[in-house]
């Protein structure tokens, strides 16, 4: 039984993703601190935050709405990581992209299970 958002595997995995993003952006050029660095951090933090907020709301409809927001943040993050690679701010790490895909898959399955 799930007693807290912290019991959700998708929340746990998204927290690891946030840690990964913070490690990656630590190596970005300092002039990007308020640009892409900030956007990457915000979009990554948005994922577990929205999962937590949705889980704390009343009813599955509200929960699903926040899960969709988390899904959107993941798509945003994926694009920003791709852009950072194109700008040569970091060397692509497939594990990060696999984690993003894995979290998206888990979110989709959770949404589907709530929609029944």
N, C-alpha and C. Protein backbone atom coordinates (compact mmCIF):
# COMPACT_ATOMS: atom_id res chain seq x y z
N UNK A 1 0.84 -1.19 0.00
CA UNK A 1 0.00 0.00 0.00
C UNK A 1 0.88 1.25 0.00
N UNK A 2 0.44 2.23 -0.75
CA UNK A 2 1.19 3.48 -0.86
C UNK A 2 0.67 4.46 0.18
N UNK A 3 1.57 4.91 1.02
CA UNK A 3 1.19 5.86 2.05
C UNK A 3 1.64 7.28 1.73
N UNK A 4 2.61 7.39 0.83
CA UNK A 4 3.18 8.69 0.50
C UNK A 4 3.69 8.66 -0.93
N UNK A 5 3.83 9.84 -1.53
CA UNK A 5 4.42 9.94 -2.86
C UNK A 5 5.83 9.34 -2.88
N UNK A 6 6.49 9.34 -1.71
CA UNK A 6 7.85 8.80 -1.62
C UNK A 6 7.89 7.29 -1.82
N UNK A 7 6.73 6.64 -1.70
CA UNK A 7 6.64 5.20 -1.94
C UNK A 7 6.56 4.87 -3.43
N UNK A 8 6.29 5.88 -4.26
CA UNK A 8 6.15 5.65 -5.69
C UNK A 8 7.52 5.54 -6.37
N UNK A 9 7.72 4.47 -7.09
CA UNK A 9 8.99 4.24 -7.81
C UNK A 9 9.26 5.39 -8.79
N UNK A 10 8.21 5.89 -9.42
CA UNK A 10 8.39 6.97 -10.39
C UNK A 10 8.91 8.24 -9.71
N UNK A 11 8.47 8.51 -8.48
CA UNK A 11 8.99 9.66 -7.74
C UNK A 11 10.46 9.43 -7.39
N UNK A 12 10.78 8.24 -6.92
CA UNK A 12 12.15 7.89 -6.55
C UNK A 12 13.11 8.04 -7.74
N UNK A 13 12.69 7.54 -8.88
CA UNK A 13 13.52 7.62 -10.10
C UNK A 13 13.68 9.07 -10.55
N UNK A 14 12.62 9.85 -10.42
CA UNK A 14 12.71 11.25 -10.85
C UNK A 14 13.62 12.06 -9.92
N UNK A 15 13.71 11.67 -8.67
CA UNK A 15 14.65 12.33 -7.75
C UNK A 15 16.09 12.05 -8.17
N UNK A 16 16.36 10.83 -8.60
CA UNK A 16 17.69 10.49 -9.10
C UNK A 16 18.01 11.31 -10.35
N UNK A 17 17.01 11.48 -11.20
CA UNK A 17 17.19 12.28 -12.41
C UNK A 17 17.56 13.72 -12.05
N UNK A 18 16.94 14.28 -11.04
CA UNK A 18 17.28 15.65 -10.60
C UNK A 18 18.75 15.71 -10.18
N UNK A 19 19.19 14.72 -9.42
CA UNK A 19 20.59 14.67 -9.00
C UNK A 19 21.51 14.63 -10.21
N UNK A 20 21.15 13.81 -11.20
CA UNK A 20 21.95 13.70 -12.43
C UNK A 20 22.03 15.04 -13.15
N UNK A 21 20.90 15.73 -13.26
CA UNK A 21 20.87 17.01 -13.96
C UNK A 21 21.74 18.04 -13.23
N UNK A 22 21.68 18.05 -11.91
CA UNK A 22 22.52 19.00 -11.16
C UNK A 22 24.01 18.70 -11.36
N UNK A 23 24.36 17.44 -11.44
CA UNK A 23 25.77 17.08 -11.70
C UNK A 23 26.20 17.52 -13.08
N UNK A 24 25.33 17.31 -14.06
CA UNK A 24 25.65 17.69 -15.44
C UNK A 24 25.82 19.20 -15.56
N UNK A 25 24.87 19.95 -15.01
CA UNK A 25 24.90 21.41 -15.18
C UNK A 25 26.03 22.07 -14.39
N UNK A 26 26.59 21.37 -13.43
CA UNK A 26 27.73 21.93 -12.68
C UNK A 26 28.94 22.17 -13.59
N UNK A 27 28.97 21.48 -14.72
CA UNK A 27 30.10 21.62 -15.65
C UNK A 27 29.81 22.61 -16.78
N UNK A 28 28.61 23.18 -16.82
CA UNK A 28 28.24 24.11 -17.89
C UNK A 28 28.99 25.43 -17.73
N UNK A 29 29.12 26.17 -18.84
CA UNK A 29 29.77 27.49 -18.74
C UNK A 29 29.01 28.40 -17.78
N UNK A 30 29.75 29.20 -17.05
CA UNK A 30 29.15 30.09 -16.04
C UNK A 30 28.17 31.08 -16.66
N UNK A 31 28.39 31.47 -17.92
CA UNK A 31 27.47 32.42 -18.55
C UNK A 31 26.09 31.80 -18.83
N UNK A 32 25.99 30.50 -18.67
CA UNK A 32 24.71 29.80 -18.86
C UNK A 32 23.95 29.62 -17.54
N UNK A 33 24.49 30.15 -16.45
CA UNK A 33 23.89 29.97 -15.13
C UNK A 33 22.41 30.38 -15.10
N UNK A 34 22.07 31.48 -15.77
CA UNK A 34 20.69 31.95 -15.76
C UNK A 34 19.97 31.60 -17.07
N UNK A 35 20.60 30.80 -17.88
CA UNK A 35 20.02 30.37 -19.15
C UNK A 35 19.63 28.91 -19.09
N UNK A 36 20.30 28.13 -19.91
CA UNK A 36 19.97 26.72 -20.03
C UNK A 36 20.19 25.94 -18.73
N UNK A 37 21.19 26.31 -17.96
CA UNK A 37 21.43 25.65 -16.67
C UNK A 37 20.20 25.76 -15.77
N UNK A 38 19.69 26.96 -15.65
CA UNK A 38 18.52 27.20 -14.82
C UNK A 38 17.29 26.47 -15.35
N UNK A 39 17.10 26.47 -16.65
CA UNK A 39 15.94 25.79 -17.25
C UNK A 39 16.00 24.28 -17.03
N UNK A 40 17.18 23.71 -17.18
CA UNK A 40 17.35 22.27 -16.96
C UNK A 40 17.04 21.90 -15.51
N UNK A 41 17.54 22.69 -14.60
CA UNK A 41 17.28 22.42 -13.18
C UNK A 41 15.80 22.53 -12.87
N UNK A 42 15.16 23.59 -13.38
CA UNK A 42 13.73 23.79 -13.12
C UNK A 42 12.87 22.67 -13.69
N UNK A 43 13.14 22.28 -14.93
CA UNK A 43 12.31 21.24 -15.54
C UNK A 43 12.52 19.89 -14.85
N UNK A 44 13.75 19.62 -14.41
CA UNK A 44 13.99 18.35 -13.71
C UNK A 44 13.32 18.34 -12.34
N UNK A 45 13.41 19.43 -11.61
CA UNK A 45 12.80 19.52 -10.28
C UNK A 45 11.27 19.47 -10.39
N UNK A 46 10.75 19.95 -11.48
CA UNK A 46 9.29 19.96 -11.69
C UNK A 46 8.70 18.55 -11.71
N UNK A 47 9.47 17.57 -12.15
CA UNK A 47 8.93 16.22 -12.29
C UNK A 47 8.56 15.62 -10.93
N UNK A 48 9.51 15.43 -10.01
CA UNK A 48 9.11 14.86 -8.72
C UNK A 48 8.19 15.79 -7.92
N UNK A 49 8.34 17.10 -8.12
CA UNK A 49 7.49 18.05 -7.41
C UNK A 49 6.03 17.89 -7.81
N UNK A 50 5.77 17.74 -9.10
CA UNK A 50 4.39 17.57 -9.56
C UNK A 50 3.82 16.21 -9.19
N UNK A 51 4.66 15.19 -9.18
CA UNK A 51 4.20 13.88 -8.71
C UNK A 51 3.77 13.99 -7.25
N UNK A 52 4.61 14.63 -6.45
CA UNK A 52 4.30 14.80 -5.02
C UNK A 52 3.04 15.64 -4.82
N UNK A 53 2.94 16.75 -5.54
CA UNK A 53 1.78 17.61 -5.37
C UNK A 53 0.50 16.89 -5.78
N UNK A 54 0.54 16.19 -6.89
CA UNK A 54 -0.63 15.45 -7.34
C UNK A 54 -1.05 14.37 -6.37
N UNK A 55 -0.07 13.68 -5.82
CA UNK A 55 -0.36 12.61 -4.84
C UNK A 55 -0.98 13.19 -3.57
N UNK A 56 -0.65 14.43 -3.27
CA UNK A 56 -1.17 15.07 -2.07
C UNK A 56 -2.55 15.69 -2.26
N UNK A 57 -3.03 15.70 -3.47
CA UNK A 57 -4.36 16.27 -3.76
C UNK A 57 -5.44 15.22 -3.55
N UNK A 58 -6.66 15.69 -3.49
CA UNK A 58 -7.80 14.79 -3.33
C UNK A 58 -8.25 14.29 -4.70
N UNK A 59 -8.36 12.99 -4.82
CA UNK A 59 -8.94 12.41 -6.02
C UNK A 59 -7.96 12.11 -7.13
N UNK A 60 -8.33 11.12 -7.91
CA UNK A 60 -7.43 10.68 -8.97
C UNK A 60 -7.39 11.65 -10.16
N UNK A 61 -8.46 12.41 -10.38
CA UNK A 61 -8.45 13.36 -11.49
C UNK A 61 -7.38 14.43 -11.27
N UNK A 62 -7.32 14.94 -10.06
CA UNK A 62 -6.29 15.93 -9.72
C UNK A 62 -4.89 15.33 -9.83
N UNK A 63 -4.74 14.11 -9.31
CA UNK A 63 -3.46 13.42 -9.37
C UNK A 63 -3.02 13.27 -10.82
N UNK A 64 -3.93 12.83 -11.68
CA UNK A 64 -3.61 12.64 -13.09
C UNK A 64 -3.19 13.95 -13.75
N UNK A 65 -3.85 15.03 -13.40
CA UNK A 65 -3.50 16.34 -13.97
C UNK A 65 -2.04 16.69 -13.67
N UNK A 66 -1.61 16.45 -12.45
CA UNK A 66 -0.22 16.76 -12.08
C UNK A 66 0.76 15.76 -12.71
N UNK A 67 0.33 14.54 -12.93
CA UNK A 67 1.18 13.57 -13.61
C UNK A 67 1.41 13.98 -15.06
N UNK A 68 0.37 14.53 -15.68
CA UNK A 68 0.53 15.04 -17.06
C UNK A 68 1.48 16.24 -17.09
N UNK A 69 1.43 17.07 -16.07
CA UNK A 69 2.36 18.20 -15.99
C UNK A 69 3.79 17.67 -15.86
N UNK A 70 3.97 16.64 -15.03
CA UNK A 70 5.30 16.02 -14.87
C UNK A 70 5.77 15.46 -16.20
N UNK A 71 4.85 14.86 -16.96
CA UNK A 71 5.19 14.31 -18.27
C UNK A 71 5.67 15.43 -19.20
N UNK A 72 4.99 16.55 -19.17
CA UNK A 72 5.40 17.69 -19.98
C UNK A 72 6.78 18.20 -19.59
N UNK A 73 7.05 18.22 -18.31
CA UNK A 73 8.37 18.66 -17.83
C UNK A 73 9.46 17.71 -18.30
N UNK A 74 9.15 16.43 -18.38
CA UNK A 74 10.13 15.46 -18.90
C UNK A 74 10.43 15.71 -20.37
N UNK A 75 9.41 16.03 -21.14
CA UNK A 75 9.63 16.34 -22.56
C UNK A 75 10.46 17.61 -22.71
N UNK A 76 10.18 18.58 -21.86
CA UNK A 76 10.97 19.81 -21.85
C UNK A 76 12.43 19.51 -21.50
N UNK A 77 12.63 18.70 -20.49
CA UNK A 77 13.98 18.32 -20.06
C UNK A 77 14.72 17.59 -21.17
N UNK A 78 14.06 16.67 -21.84
CA UNK A 78 14.66 15.92 -22.93
C UNK A 78 15.16 16.87 -24.02
N UNK A 79 14.35 17.85 -24.36
CA UNK A 79 14.72 18.84 -25.38
C UNK A 79 15.90 19.68 -24.91
N UNK A 80 15.89 20.09 -23.66
CA UNK A 80 16.97 20.92 -23.13
C UNK A 80 18.29 20.16 -23.07
N UNK A 81 18.22 18.89 -22.72
CA UNK A 81 19.44 18.06 -22.71
C UNK A 81 20.01 17.92 -24.12
N UNK A 82 19.12 17.72 -25.06
CA UNK A 82 19.53 17.62 -26.47
C UNK A 82 20.19 18.92 -26.93
N UNK A 83 19.59 20.04 -26.56
CA UNK A 83 20.14 21.34 -26.92
C UNK A 83 21.51 21.56 -26.27
N UNK A 84 21.64 21.19 -25.01
CA UNK A 84 22.93 21.33 -24.32
C UNK A 84 24.01 20.52 -25.02
N UNK A 85 23.63 19.36 -25.51
CA UNK A 85 24.60 18.54 -26.26
C UNK A 85 24.98 19.23 -27.57
N UNK A 86 23.99 19.74 -28.28
CA UNK A 86 24.26 20.42 -29.56
C UNK A 86 25.14 21.64 -29.38
N UNK A 87 25.03 22.28 -28.21
CA UNK A 87 25.84 23.46 -27.92
C UNK A 87 27.19 23.08 -27.30
N UNK A 88 27.44 21.78 -27.20
CA UNK A 88 28.70 21.23 -26.67
C UNK A 88 28.94 21.59 -25.21
N UNK A 89 27.86 21.69 -24.43
CA UNK A 89 27.99 21.94 -23.00
C UNK A 89 28.27 20.65 -22.24
N UNK A 90 27.95 19.52 -22.84
CA UNK A 90 28.21 18.22 -22.21
C UNK A 90 28.26 17.15 -23.29
N UNK A 91 28.88 16.07 -22.93
CA UNK A 91 28.96 14.90 -23.82
C UNK A 91 27.79 14.00 -23.48
N UNK A 92 27.01 13.69 -24.49
CA UNK A 92 25.79 12.90 -24.32
C UNK A 92 26.03 11.64 -23.48
N UNK A 93 25.13 11.43 -22.54
CA UNK A 93 25.15 10.23 -21.71
C UNK A 93 23.82 9.52 -21.92
N UNK A 94 23.85 8.40 -22.61
CA UNK A 94 22.62 7.68 -22.94
C UNK A 94 21.85 7.25 -21.70
N UNK A 95 22.54 7.06 -20.59
CA UNK A 95 21.86 6.64 -19.35
C UNK A 95 20.85 7.68 -18.88
N UNK A 96 21.17 8.94 -19.08
CA UNK A 96 20.24 10.01 -18.70
C UNK A 96 18.98 9.94 -19.56
N UNK A 97 19.18 9.79 -20.87
CA UNK A 97 18.05 9.72 -21.78
C UNK A 97 17.22 8.46 -21.53
N UNK A 98 17.88 7.37 -21.16
CA UNK A 98 17.16 6.14 -20.81
C UNK A 98 16.32 6.35 -19.55
N UNK A 99 16.87 7.08 -18.58
CA UNK A 99 16.12 7.35 -17.35
C UNK A 99 14.90 8.22 -17.66
N UNK A 100 15.07 9.22 -18.51
CA UNK A 100 13.94 10.08 -18.90
C UNK A 100 12.85 9.22 -19.53
N UNK A 101 13.23 8.34 -20.45
CA UNK A 101 12.26 7.47 -21.12
C UNK A 101 11.59 6.52 -20.11
N UNK A 102 12.38 5.98 -19.21
CA UNK A 102 11.86 5.06 -18.19
C UNK A 102 10.83 5.76 -17.31
N UNK A 103 11.12 6.98 -16.90
CA UNK A 103 10.20 7.74 -16.06
C UNK A 103 8.93 8.07 -16.85
N UNK A 104 9.08 8.44 -18.12
CA UNK A 104 7.90 8.71 -18.95
C UNK A 104 7.02 7.47 -19.05
N UNK A 105 7.64 6.33 -19.22
CA UNK A 105 6.90 5.07 -19.32
C UNK A 105 6.16 4.79 -18.02
N UNK A 106 6.83 4.98 -16.89
CA UNK A 106 6.19 4.75 -15.60
C UNK A 106 5.03 5.71 -15.39
N UNK A 107 5.22 6.98 -15.76
CA UNK A 107 4.14 7.96 -15.62
C UNK A 107 2.94 7.56 -16.48
N UNK A 108 3.21 7.15 -17.71
CA UNK A 108 2.12 6.75 -18.61
C UNK A 108 1.34 5.57 -18.04
N UNK A 109 2.04 4.61 -17.47
CA UNK A 109 1.38 3.45 -16.87
C UNK A 109 0.58 3.83 -15.63
N UNK A 110 1.12 4.74 -14.84
CA UNK A 110 0.41 5.20 -13.65
C UNK A 110 -0.86 5.96 -14.05
N UNK A 111 -0.75 6.82 -15.04
CA UNK A 111 -1.91 7.56 -15.53
C UNK A 111 -2.97 6.59 -16.05
N UNK A 112 -2.53 5.61 -16.81
CA UNK A 112 -3.46 4.62 -17.37
C UNK A 112 -4.16 3.85 -16.25
N UNK A 113 -3.42 3.48 -15.22
CA UNK A 113 -4.03 2.73 -14.12
C UNK A 113 -5.03 3.59 -13.34
N UNK A 114 -4.76 4.88 -13.23
CA UNK A 114 -5.68 5.78 -12.53
C UNK A 114 -6.93 6.07 -13.37
N UNK A 115 -6.78 5.96 -14.67
CA UNK A 115 -7.87 6.30 -15.60
C UNK A 115 -8.90 5.17 -15.74
N UNK A 116 -8.64 4.04 -15.13
CA UNK A 116 -9.58 2.91 -15.22
C UNK A 116 -10.79 3.12 -14.35
